[in-house]
């Protein structure tokens, strides 16, 4: 088995569902699937990995005529399928890493205006709801294909994850409102020159 970066395995994984896909199609599908739970590689990463996968014999391609211009379609090879199966079954699973920009800003809340923090949390809440709704729509679209049972499971996970994220932002907004409102004790301390 050749050593590939995670991006290479991810692109090979996209090809493993038995369809010939263009780089554009791979990017679109990555956005609609892996982008919910891992990340979605850029076009340049996808094309770079496709070249690498072809060079090691894990993918093959052919140019087909198109409406405006020819396009290149890629497919996984038997060697690629074997390597992907081995990698998925034996390579160590890296732990999930959370990098949450809005929470970093909240953590630094003592340095910020509460109104700005509120905007940040509201934006994250809205984004989470948009992602939840998109994942729910993608579940409905993907459920029609029995071969996609595992991608459907990850989309359902994403739908719940983003619903939870939306609800967490609602709680954070309520917490922020509670600490941002001056209490009677705070007002009295300020009046006496102690706050």
N, C-alpha and C. Protein backbone atom coordinates (compact mmCIF):
# COMPACT_ATOMS: atom_id res chain seq x y z
N UNK A 1 0.85 -1.18 0.00
CA UNK A 1 0.00 0.00 0.00
C UNK A 1 0.89 1.24 0.00
N UNK A 2 0.64 2.15 -0.93
CA UNK A 2 1.40 3.40 -1.01
C UNK A 2 0.95 4.36 0.09
N UNK A 3 1.90 5.14 0.57
CA UNK A 3 1.57 6.16 1.57
C UNK A 3 0.94 7.35 0.84
N UNK A 4 -0.25 7.70 1.25
CA UNK A 4 -0.94 8.85 0.68
C UNK A 4 -1.31 9.80 1.80
N UNK A 5 -1.42 11.08 1.50
CA UNK A 5 -1.97 11.99 2.50
C UNK A 5 -3.47 11.71 2.67
N UNK A 6 -4.02 12.18 3.76
CA UNK A 6 -5.45 11.97 4.03
C UNK A 6 -6.29 12.45 2.85
N UNK A 7 -5.90 13.56 2.23
CA UNK A 7 -6.67 14.07 1.09
C UNK A 7 -6.72 13.04 -0.03
N UNK A 8 -5.64 12.34 -0.28
CA UNK A 8 -5.62 11.31 -1.30
C UNK A 8 -6.60 10.19 -0.99
N UNK A 9 -6.60 9.75 0.26
CA UNK A 9 -7.54 8.69 0.66
C UNK A 9 -8.98 9.19 0.54
N UNK A 10 -9.20 10.45 0.89
CA UNK A 10 -10.56 11.01 0.79
C UNK A 10 -11.03 11.05 -0.66
N UNK A 11 -10.17 11.50 -1.56
CA UNK A 11 -10.54 11.55 -2.99
C UNK A 11 -10.76 10.13 -3.51
N UNK A 12 -9.90 9.21 -3.13
CA UNK A 12 -10.08 7.82 -3.54
C UNK A 12 -11.40 7.28 -2.98
N UNK A 13 -11.73 7.68 -1.75
CA UNK A 13 -13.00 7.27 -1.16
C UNK A 13 -14.19 7.77 -1.96
N UNK A 14 -14.10 8.99 -2.46
CA UNK A 14 -15.18 9.52 -3.30
C UNK A 14 -15.35 8.68 -4.56
N UNK A 15 -14.24 8.19 -5.09
CA UNK A 15 -14.30 7.36 -6.30
C UNK A 15 -14.78 5.93 -6.00
N UNK A 16 -14.79 5.55 -4.74
CA UNK A 16 -15.07 4.15 -4.39
C UNK A 16 -16.54 3.76 -4.50
N UNK A 17 -17.40 4.70 -4.81
CA UNK A 17 -18.82 4.38 -4.92
C UNK A 17 -19.21 3.90 -6.31
N UNK A 18 -18.21 3.63 -7.15
CA UNK A 18 -18.46 2.95 -8.41
C UNK A 18 -18.88 3.81 -9.57
N UNK A 19 -18.74 5.10 -9.45
CA UNK A 19 -19.12 5.98 -10.57
C UNK A 19 -17.88 6.65 -11.14
N UNK A 20 -17.93 6.93 -12.41
CA UNK A 20 -16.88 7.74 -13.03
C UNK A 20 -17.25 9.19 -12.81
N UNK A 21 -16.32 9.95 -12.27
CA UNK A 21 -16.61 11.34 -11.91
C UNK A 21 -15.51 12.26 -12.42
N UNK A 22 -15.92 13.47 -12.77
CA UNK A 22 -14.96 14.51 -13.13
C UNK A 22 -14.45 15.15 -11.83
N UNK A 23 -13.38 15.92 -11.95
CA UNK A 23 -12.89 16.65 -10.79
C UNK A 23 -13.96 17.58 -10.23
N UNK A 24 -14.72 18.21 -11.12
CA UNK A 24 -15.82 19.09 -10.70
C UNK A 24 -16.85 18.30 -9.90
N UNK A 25 -17.23 17.13 -10.41
CA UNK A 25 -18.21 16.29 -9.71
C UNK A 25 -17.69 15.85 -8.35
N UNK A 26 -16.40 15.52 -8.29
CA UNK A 26 -15.80 15.11 -7.02
C UNK A 26 -15.87 16.24 -6.00
N UNK A 27 -15.57 17.46 -6.43
CA UNK A 27 -15.63 18.61 -5.52
C UNK A 27 -17.06 18.83 -5.04
N UNK A 28 -18.01 18.75 -5.95
CA UNK A 28 -19.42 18.95 -5.58
C UNK A 28 -19.86 17.90 -4.57
N UNK A 29 -19.50 16.65 -4.81
CA UNK A 29 -19.90 15.60 -3.90
C UNK A 29 -19.18 15.70 -2.56
N UNK A 30 -17.91 16.12 -2.58
CA UNK A 30 -17.19 16.33 -1.32
C UNK A 30 -17.88 17.40 -0.49
N UNK A 31 -18.29 18.49 -1.14
CA UNK A 31 -19.00 19.56 -0.43
C UNK A 31 -20.30 19.06 0.18
N UNK A 32 -20.97 18.14 -0.51
CA UNK A 32 -22.28 17.66 -0.05
C UNK A 32 -22.18 16.46 0.88
N UNK A 33 -20.99 16.00 1.14
CA UNK A 33 -20.86 14.82 2.01
C UNK A 33 -19.77 15.05 3.05
N UNK A 34 -18.52 14.90 2.68
CA UNK A 34 -17.42 15.04 3.64
C UNK A 34 -17.35 16.42 4.27
N UNK A 35 -17.78 17.43 3.54
CA UNK A 35 -17.73 18.78 4.07
C UNK A 35 -18.54 18.97 5.34
N UNK A 36 -19.45 18.07 5.62
CA UNK A 36 -20.26 18.16 6.84
C UNK A 36 -19.53 17.62 8.06
N UNK A 37 -18.58 16.72 7.88
CA UNK A 37 -17.98 16.08 9.05
C UNK A 37 -16.46 16.07 9.06
N UNK A 38 -15.82 16.40 7.96
CA UNK A 38 -14.36 16.38 7.95
C UNK A 38 -13.85 17.69 7.36
N UNK A 39 -13.86 17.80 6.08
CA UNK A 39 -13.54 19.01 5.33
C UNK A 39 -13.75 18.67 3.87
N UNK A 40 -13.77 19.68 3.06
CA UNK A 40 -13.94 19.46 1.63
C UNK A 40 -12.71 19.99 0.92
N UNK A 41 -11.96 19.12 0.24
CA UNK A 41 -10.75 19.59 -0.43
C UNK A 41 -11.07 20.59 -1.54
N UNK A 42 -10.12 21.46 -1.79
CA UNK A 42 -10.28 22.44 -2.87
C UNK A 42 -10.11 21.75 -4.22
N UNK A 43 -10.49 22.45 -5.28
CA UNK A 43 -10.31 21.91 -6.63
C UNK A 43 -8.85 21.54 -6.87
N UNK A 44 -7.94 22.44 -6.48
CA UNK A 44 -6.52 22.17 -6.74
C UNK A 44 -6.06 20.93 -5.98
N UNK A 45 -6.54 20.74 -4.76
CA UNK A 45 -6.18 19.53 -4.01
C UNK A 45 -6.73 18.28 -4.69
N UNK A 46 -7.97 18.38 -5.15
CA UNK A 46 -8.59 17.22 -5.81
C UNK A 46 -7.80 16.83 -7.06
N UNK A 47 -7.51 17.81 -7.91
CA UNK A 47 -6.79 17.48 -9.15
C UNK A 47 -5.37 16.99 -8.87
N UNK A 48 -4.73 17.57 -7.88
CA UNK A 48 -3.39 17.11 -7.50
C UNK A 48 -3.44 15.65 -7.02
N UNK A 49 -4.43 15.33 -6.20
CA UNK A 49 -4.56 13.96 -5.70
C UNK A 49 -4.96 12.99 -6.81
N UNK A 50 -5.80 13.43 -7.73
CA UNK A 50 -6.16 12.56 -8.85
C UNK A 50 -4.93 12.18 -9.67
N UNK A 51 -4.05 13.15 -9.90
CA UNK A 51 -2.80 12.85 -10.62
C UNK A 51 -1.96 11.84 -9.84
N UNK A 52 -1.87 12.06 -8.53
CA UNK A 52 -1.09 11.15 -7.68
C UNK A 52 -1.72 9.74 -7.70
N UNK A 53 -3.04 9.68 -7.57
CA UNK A 53 -3.74 8.38 -7.56
C UNK A 53 -3.53 7.63 -8.87
N UNK A 54 -3.56 8.37 -9.98
CA UNK A 54 -3.29 7.72 -11.28
C UNK A 54 -1.85 7.23 -11.34
N UNK A 55 -0.91 8.02 -10.83
CA UNK A 55 0.50 7.65 -10.94
C UNK A 55 0.84 6.39 -10.14
N UNK A 56 0.09 6.11 -9.08
CA UNK A 56 0.35 4.90 -8.29
C UNK A 56 -0.60 3.75 -8.67
N UNK A 57 -1.46 3.99 -9.67
CA UNK A 57 -2.33 2.94 -10.16
C UNK A 57 -3.62 2.74 -9.37
N UNK A 58 -3.96 3.70 -8.51
CA UNK A 58 -5.19 3.57 -7.71
C UNK A 58 -6.41 4.16 -8.41
N UNK A 59 -6.18 4.97 -9.43
CA UNK A 59 -7.28 5.56 -10.21
C UNK A 59 -6.88 5.55 -11.67
N UNK A 60 -7.88 5.56 -12.53
CA UNK A 60 -7.67 5.64 -13.98
C UNK A 60 -8.65 6.68 -14.50
N UNK A 61 -8.33 7.22 -15.66
CA UNK A 61 -9.22 8.24 -16.22
C UNK A 61 -9.31 8.09 -17.72
N UNK A 62 -10.34 8.70 -18.26
CA UNK A 62 -10.47 8.77 -19.71
C UNK A 62 -11.13 10.10 -20.05
N UNK A 63 -10.77 10.60 -21.21
CA UNK A 63 -11.36 11.85 -21.69
C UNK A 63 -12.60 11.51 -22.50
N UNK A 64 -13.70 12.19 -22.19
CA UNK A 64 -14.96 11.95 -22.91
C UNK A 64 -15.44 13.27 -23.50
N UNK A 65 -16.10 13.22 -24.66
CA UNK A 65 -16.59 14.46 -25.27
C UNK A 65 -17.65 15.11 -24.38
N UNK A 66 -17.65 16.42 -24.39
CA UNK A 66 -18.66 17.18 -23.65
C UNK A 66 -19.37 18.14 -24.56
N UNK A 67 -20.34 18.87 -24.03
CA UNK A 67 -21.09 19.85 -24.83
C UNK A 67 -20.18 20.95 -25.37
N UNK A 68 -19.34 21.48 -24.51
CA UNK A 68 -18.47 22.59 -24.90
C UNK A 68 -17.05 22.10 -25.13
N UNK A 69 -16.58 21.26 -24.23
CA UNK A 69 -15.23 20.72 -24.35
C UNK A 69 -15.21 19.33 -23.73
N UNK A 70 -14.16 18.61 -24.02
CA UNK A 70 -14.02 17.27 -23.45
C UNK A 70 -13.76 17.38 -21.95
N UNK A 71 -14.16 16.36 -21.23
CA UNK A 71 -13.86 16.34 -19.81
C UNK A 71 -13.25 14.99 -19.45
N UNK A 72 -12.50 15.00 -18.38
CA UNK A 72 -11.82 13.79 -17.92
C UNK A 72 -12.63 13.19 -16.78
N UNK A 73 -12.96 11.90 -16.92
CA UNK A 73 -13.68 11.17 -15.88
C UNK A 73 -12.74 10.19 -15.21
N UNK A 74 -12.82 10.12 -13.89
CA UNK A 74 -11.94 9.27 -13.10
C UNK A 74 -12.73 8.14 -12.46
N UNK A 75 -12.04 7.02 -12.27
CA UNK A 75 -12.66 5.88 -11.59
C UNK A 75 -11.58 5.21 -10.74
N UNK A 76 -12.02 4.50 -9.73
CA UNK A 76 -11.10 3.75 -8.89
C UNK A 76 -10.72 2.46 -9.61
N UNK A 77 -9.50 2.01 -9.44
CA UNK A 77 -9.06 0.74 -10.01
C UNK A 77 -9.19 -0.36 -8.95
N UNK A 78 -9.13 -1.62 -9.35
CA UNK A 78 -9.14 -2.68 -8.34
C UNK A 78 -8.01 -2.52 -7.31
N UNK A 79 -6.83 -2.11 -7.76
CA UNK A 79 -5.73 -1.89 -6.82
C UNK A 79 -6.06 -0.75 -5.86
N UNK A 80 -6.72 0.29 -6.38
CA UNK A 80 -7.13 1.40 -5.53
C UNK A 80 -8.17 0.98 -4.51
N UNK A 81 -9.10 0.16 -4.95
CA UNK A 81 -10.13 -0.33 -4.02
C UNK A 81 -9.50 -1.19 -2.93
N UNK A 82 -8.56 -2.05 -3.29
CA UNK A 82 -7.88 -2.88 -2.30
C UNK A 82 -7.11 -2.02 -1.30
N UNK A 83 -6.37 -1.03 -1.82
CA UNK A 83 -5.58 -0.15 -0.95
C UNK A 83 -6.49 0.65 -0.02
N UNK A 84 -7.59 1.17 -0.55
CA UNK A 84 -8.52 1.95 0.26
C UNK A 84 -9.14 1.08 1.35
N UNK A 85 -9.52 -0.13 0.99
CA UNK A 85 -10.10 -1.05 1.97
C UNK A 85 -9.08 -1.33 3.09
N UNK A 86 -7.83 -1.56 2.70
CA UNK A 86 -6.79 -1.82 3.71
C UNK A 86 -6.57 -0.59 4.58
N UNK A 87 -6.46 0.58 3.97
CA UNK A 87 -6.25 1.81 4.74
C UNK A 87 -7.40 2.06 5.71
N UNK A 88 -8.64 1.94 5.22
CA UNK A 88 -9.81 2.20 6.06
C UNK A 88 -9.90 1.21 7.22
N UNK A 89 -9.43 -0.01 6.99
CA UNK A 89 -9.54 -1.03 8.02
C UNK A 89 -8.37 -1.13 8.98
N UNK A 90 -7.21 -0.57 8.60
CA UNK A 90 -6.02 -0.79 9.44
C UNK A 90 -5.30 0.48 9.88
N UNK A 91 -5.42 1.56 9.14
CA UNK A 91 -4.69 2.79 9.51
C UNK A 91 -5.26 3.35 10.81
N UNK A 92 -4.39 3.90 11.67
CA UNK A 92 -4.89 4.49 12.91
C UNK A 92 -5.89 5.61 12.60
N UNK A 93 -6.92 5.68 13.41
CA UNK A 93 -7.93 6.73 13.25
C UNK A 93 -7.49 7.92 14.09
N UNK A 94 -7.31 9.03 13.42
CA UNK A 94 -6.88 10.23 14.14
C UNK A 94 -8.04 10.75 14.99
N UNK A 95 -7.74 11.30 16.18
CA UNK A 95 -8.81 11.83 17.01
C UNK A 95 -9.43 13.07 16.37
N UNK A 96 -10.69 13.29 16.68
CA UNK A 96 -11.37 14.49 16.18
C UNK A 96 -10.73 15.71 16.83
N UNK A 97 -10.52 16.74 16.04
CA UNK A 97 -9.93 17.98 16.52
C UNK A 97 -10.96 19.08 16.33
N UNK A 98 -11.22 19.80 17.39
CA UNK A 98 -12.20 20.87 17.31
C UNK A 98 -11.47 22.21 17.33
N UNK A 99 -11.68 22.99 16.30
CA UNK A 99 -11.20 24.37 16.22
C UNK A 99 -12.43 25.21 16.02
N UNK A 100 -12.86 25.90 17.05
CA UNK A 100 -14.13 26.61 17.01
C UNK A 100 -13.88 28.11 17.19
N UNK A 101 -13.77 28.82 16.08
CA UNK A 101 -13.48 30.25 16.11
C UNK A 101 -14.42 31.06 16.99
N UNK A 102 -15.76 30.86 16.88
CA UNK A 102 -16.66 31.62 17.75
C UNK A 102 -16.41 31.37 19.24
N UNK A 103 -16.05 30.14 19.61
CA UNK A 103 -15.79 29.86 21.03
C UNK A 103 -14.48 30.50 21.47
N UNK A 104 -13.50 30.59 20.57
CA UNK A 104 -12.27 31.29 20.91
C UNK A 104 -12.58 32.76 21.19
N UNK A 105 -13.46 33.35 20.36
CA UNK A 105 -13.85 34.75 20.59
C UNK A 105 -14.61 34.90 21.91
N UNK A 106 -15.48 33.95 22.22
CA UNK A 106 -16.22 34.01 23.48
C UNK A 106 -15.27 33.85 24.66
N UNK A 107 -14.30 32.97 24.51
CA UNK A 107 -13.30 32.76 25.56
C UNK A 107 -12.55 34.07 25.85
N UNK A 108 -12.39 34.88 24.81
CA UNK A 108 -11.74 36.19 24.96
C UNK A 108 -12.77 37.30 25.17
N UNK A 109 -13.95 36.93 25.62
CA UNK A 109 -15.05 37.88 25.79
C UNK A 109 -14.74 39.03 26.71
N UNK A 110 -13.86 38.83 27.69
CA UNK A 110 -13.51 39.92 28.61
C UNK A 110 -12.81 41.07 27.88
N UNK A 111 -12.38 40.83 26.66
CA UNK A 111 -11.71 41.87 25.87
C UNK A 111 -12.60 42.47 24.80
N UNK A 112 -13.85 42.04 24.73
CA UNK A 112 -14.71 42.44 23.62
C UNK A 112 -15.99 43.10 24.10
N UNK A 113 -16.59 43.78 23.18
CA UNK A 113 -17.91 44.37 23.39
C UNK A 113 -18.95 43.26 23.34
N UNK A 114 -19.85 43.18 24.32
CA UNK A 114 -20.88 42.14 24.30
C UNK A 114 -21.73 42.14 23.02
N UNK A 115 -21.95 43.32 22.43
CA UNK A 115 -22.75 43.38 21.20
C UNK A 115 -22.01 42.65 20.06
N UNK A 116 -20.70 42.80 20.00
CA UNK A 116 -19.92 42.11 18.96
C UNK A 116 -19.93 40.60 19.20
N UNK A 117 -19.82 40.20 20.46
CA UNK A 117 -19.91 38.77 20.78
C UNK A 117 -21.26 38.21 20.37
N UNK A 118 -22.30 38.98 20.63
CA UNK A 118 -23.66 38.55 20.26
C UNK A 118 -23.75 38.35 18.74
N UNK A 119 -23.18 39.28 17.97
CA UNK A 119 -23.17 39.14 16.50
C UNK A 119 -22.46 37.86 16.07
N UNK A 120 -21.32 37.59 16.69
CA UNK A 120 -20.55 36.39 16.37
C UNK A 120 -21.36 35.13 16.65
N UNK A 121 -21.99 35.08 17.82
CA UNK A 121 -22.78 33.89 18.19
C UNK A 121 -24.02 33.75 17.32
N UNK A 122 -24.66 34.88 17.01
CA UNK A 122 -25.83 34.82 16.10
C UNK A 122 -25.43 34.31 14.72
N UNK A 123 -24.30 34.78 14.22
CA UNK A 123 -23.83 34.33 12.89
C UNK A 123 -23.54 32.83 12.92
N UNK A 124 -22.92 32.34 14.00
CA UNK A 124 -22.65 30.90 14.11
C UNK A 124 -23.95 30.11 14.22
N UNK A 125 -24.91 30.65 14.95
CA UNK A 125 -26.21 29.99 15.09
C UNK A 125 -26.89 29.87 13.73
N UNK A 126 -26.87 30.97 12.96
CA UNK A 126 -27.50 30.96 11.64
C UNK A 126 -26.79 29.99 10.69
N UNK A 127 -25.47 29.97 10.74
CA UNK A 127 -24.70 29.05 9.91
C UNK A 127 -25.02 27.59 10.28
N UNK A 128 -25.11 27.32 11.57
CA UNK A 128 -25.43 25.95 12.01
C UNK A 128 -26.80 25.53 11.50
N UNK A 129 -27.76 26.44 11.54
CA UNK A 129 -29.10 26.10 11.06
C UNK A 129 -29.09 25.87 9.54
N UNK A 130 -28.34 26.69 8.81
CA UNK A 130 -28.23 26.49 7.36
C UNK A 130 -27.61 25.12 7.05
N UNK A 131 -26.54 24.77 7.77
CA UNK A 131 -25.87 23.49 7.55
C UNK A 131 -26.79 22.32 7.93
N UNK A 132 -27.56 22.48 9.02
CA UNK A 132 -28.50 21.44 9.42
C UNK A 132 -29.53 21.21 8.34
N UNK A 133 -30.09 22.31 7.82
CA UNK A 133 -31.11 22.21 6.78
C UNK A 133 -30.54 21.58 5.51
N UNK A 134 -29.31 21.94 5.15
CA UNK A 134 -28.69 21.36 3.96
C UNK A 134 -28.43 19.87 4.15
N UNK A 135 -27.96 19.49 5.33
CA UNK A 135 -27.73 18.07 5.60
C UNK A 135 -29.04 17.29 5.53
N UNK A 136 -30.11 17.86 6.07
CA UNK A 136 -31.42 17.20 6.02
C UNK A 136 -31.88 17.02 4.58
N UNK A 137 -31.69 18.04 3.76
CA UNK A 137 -32.07 17.95 2.34
C UNK A 137 -31.22 16.90 1.63
N UNK A 138 -29.93 16.86 1.95
CA UNK A 138 -29.04 15.89 1.31
C UNK A 138 -29.37 14.46 1.74
N UNK A 139 -29.85 14.29 2.97
CA UNK A 139 -30.29 12.96 3.41
C UNK A 139 -31.42 12.48 2.51
N UNK A 140 -32.40 13.35 2.29
CA UNK A 140 -33.54 12.97 1.45
C UNK A 140 -33.11 12.62 0.03
N UNK A 141 -32.17 13.39 -0.50
CA UNK A 141 -31.70 13.13 -1.87
C UNK A 141 -30.89 11.84 -1.95
N UNK A 142 -30.12 11.54 -0.90
CA UNK A 142 -29.23 10.38 -0.94
C UNK A 142 -29.93 9.08 -0.56
N UNK A 143 -31.00 9.16 0.20
CA UNK A 143 -31.68 7.95 0.67
C UNK A 143 -32.21 7.07 -0.46
N UNK A 144 -32.41 7.65 -1.63
CA UNK A 144 -32.97 6.88 -2.75
C UNK A 144 -31.98 5.86 -3.31
N UNK A 145 -30.70 6.01 -2.98
CA UNK A 145 -29.68 5.10 -3.49
C UNK A 145 -29.22 4.16 -2.37
N UNK A 146 -29.58 2.89 -2.42
CA UNK A 146 -29.19 1.95 -1.35
C UNK A 146 -27.68 1.83 -1.15
N UNK A 147 -26.90 2.12 -2.19
CA UNK A 147 -25.44 2.04 -2.06
C UNK A 147 -24.89 3.14 -1.15
N UNK A 148 -25.67 4.16 -0.89
CA UNK A 148 -25.20 5.30 -0.12
C UNK A 148 -25.63 5.23 1.34
N UNK A 149 -25.91 4.04 1.87
CA UNK A 149 -26.39 3.92 3.24
C UNK A 149 -25.41 4.54 4.24
N UNK A 150 -24.11 4.33 4.05
CA UNK A 150 -23.15 4.88 5.00
C UNK A 150 -22.99 6.40 4.84
N UNK A 151 -22.94 6.94 3.62
CA UNK A 151 -22.98 8.40 3.51
C UNK A 151 -24.27 8.99 4.11
N UNK A 152 -25.39 8.30 3.95
CA UNK A 152 -26.64 8.78 4.56
C UNK A 152 -26.50 8.83 6.08
N UNK A 153 -25.86 7.81 6.65
CA UNK A 153 -25.66 7.81 8.10
C UNK A 153 -24.82 9.00 8.54
N UNK A 154 -23.77 9.35 7.76
CA UNK A 154 -22.96 10.51 8.13
C UNK A 154 -23.73 11.80 7.94
N UNK A 155 -24.60 11.85 6.94
CA UNK A 155 -25.43 13.05 6.76
C UNK A 155 -26.43 13.20 7.91
N UNK A 156 -26.98 12.10 8.38
CA UNK A 156 -27.88 12.18 9.55
C UNK A 156 -27.11 12.66 10.78
N UNK A 157 -25.89 12.14 10.92
CA UNK A 157 -25.04 12.61 12.02
C UNK A 157 -24.84 14.12 11.91
N UNK A 158 -24.53 14.59 10.70
CA UNK A 158 -24.30 16.03 10.48
C UNK A 158 -25.56 16.83 10.79
N UNK A 159 -26.70 16.33 10.39
CA UNK A 159 -27.96 17.03 10.67
C UNK A 159 -28.13 17.21 12.18
N UNK A 160 -27.88 16.16 12.95
CA UNK A 160 -28.01 16.25 14.41
C UNK A 160 -26.92 17.13 15.01
N UNK A 161 -25.70 17.00 14.50
CA UNK A 161 -24.59 17.80 14.99
C UNK A 161 -24.90 19.29 14.85
N UNK A 162 -25.36 19.69 13.68
CA UNK A 162 -25.63 21.11 13.46
C UNK A 162 -26.88 21.58 14.21
N UNK A 163 -27.84 20.70 14.43
CA UNK A 163 -28.98 21.06 15.29
C UNK A 163 -28.48 21.31 16.71
N UNK A 164 -27.59 20.44 17.19
CA UNK A 164 -27.01 20.63 18.52
C UNK A 164 -26.21 21.92 18.58
N UNK A 165 -25.44 22.20 17.54
CA UNK A 165 -24.64 23.43 17.49
C UNK A 165 -25.55 24.66 17.53
N UNK A 166 -26.63 24.63 16.78
CA UNK A 166 -27.60 25.73 16.79
C UNK A 166 -28.13 25.93 18.21
N UNK A 167 -28.51 24.83 18.86
CA UNK A 167 -29.05 24.91 20.22
C UNK A 167 -27.99 25.39 21.22
N UNK A 168 -26.74 24.98 21.04
CA UNK A 168 -25.66 25.47 21.91
C UNK A 168 -25.49 26.98 21.76
N UNK A 169 -25.58 27.47 20.53
CA UNK A 169 -25.46 28.91 20.33
C UNK A 169 -26.61 29.65 21.00
N UNK A 170 -27.80 29.09 20.96
CA UNK A 170 -28.93 29.70 21.68
C UNK A 170 -28.63 29.79 23.17
N UNK A 171 -28.05 28.71 23.74
CA UNK A 171 -27.70 28.73 25.17
C UNK A 171 -26.60 29.75 25.44
N UNK A 172 -25.61 29.82 24.55
CA UNK A 172 -24.53 30.78 24.74
C UNK A 172 -25.06 32.21 24.67
N UNK A 173 -25.99 32.45 23.76
CA UNK A 173 -26.59 33.79 23.66
C UNK A 173 -27.35 34.13 24.93
N UNK A 174 -28.09 33.17 25.48
CA UNK A 174 -28.81 33.41 26.74
C UNK A 174 -27.82 33.66 27.87
N UNK A 175 -26.74 32.88 27.93
CA UNK A 175 -25.71 33.10 28.95
C UNK A 175 -25.07 34.47 28.80
N UNK A 176 -24.79 34.86 27.57
CA UNK A 176 -24.19 36.17 27.32
C UNK A 176 -25.13 37.28 27.75
N UNK A 177 -26.41 37.14 27.44
CA UNK A 177 -27.38 38.14 27.87
C UNK A 177 -27.41 38.25 29.39
N UNK A 178 -27.30 37.12 30.07
CA UNK A 178 -27.35 37.13 31.54
C UNK A 178 -26.14 37.83 32.14
N UNK A 179 -24.95 37.62 31.58
CA UNK A 179 -23.76 38.25 32.16
C UNK A 179 -23.56 39.67 31.66
N UNK A 180 -24.15 40.03 30.56
CA UNK A 180 -23.97 41.37 29.99
C UNK A 180 -24.90 42.39 30.63
N UNK A 181 -25.97 41.92 31.30
CA UNK A 181 -26.90 42.85 31.95
C UNK A 181 -26.35 43.24 33.31
N UNK A 182 -26.23 44.53 33.57
CA UNK A 182 -25.76 44.95 34.88
C UNK A 182 -26.77 44.54 35.96
N UNK A 183 -26.27 43.97 37.05
CA UNK A 183 -27.14 43.60 38.16
C UNK A 183 -27.24 44.78 39.13
N UNK A 184 -28.15 44.68 40.11
CA UNK A 184 -28.28 45.74 41.12
C UNK A 184 -26.97 45.91 41.88
N UNK A 185 -26.28 44.81 42.20
CA UNK A 185 -25.02 44.86 42.92
C UNK A 185 -23.97 45.59 42.09
N UNK A 186 -23.91 45.29 40.78
CA UNK A 186 -22.96 45.95 39.90
C UNK A 186 -23.25 47.44 39.81
N UNK A 187 -24.53 47.79 39.68
CA UNK A 187 -24.90 49.21 39.60
C UNK A 187 -24.54 49.93 40.88
N UNK A 188 -24.78 49.30 42.04
CA UNK A 188 -24.47 49.93 43.33
C UNK A 188 -22.97 50.11 43.48
N UNK A 189 -22.19 49.11 43.06
CA UNK A 189 -20.73 49.21 43.15
C UNK A 189 -20.21 50.33 42.28
N UNK A 190 -20.78 50.48 41.08
CA UNK A 190 -20.36 51.56 40.19
C UNK A 190 -20.71 52.92 40.79
N UNK A 191 -21.88 53.00 41.40
CA UNK A 191 -22.32 54.26 42.00
C UNK A 191 -21.41 54.66 43.15
N UNK A 192 -20.86 53.68 43.86
CA UNK A 192 -19.97 53.96 44.99
C UNK A 192 -18.51 54.05 44.56
N UNK A 193 -18.26 54.01 43.25
CA UNK A 193 -16.90 54.13 42.73
C UNK A 193 -16.08 52.87 42.87
N UNK A 194 -16.74 51.72 43.07
CA UNK A 194 -16.00 50.46 43.25
C UNK A 194 -16.09 49.56 42.03
N UNK A 195 -16.72 49.97 40.95
CA UNK A 195 -16.86 49.07 39.80
C UNK A 195 -16.62 49.75 38.51
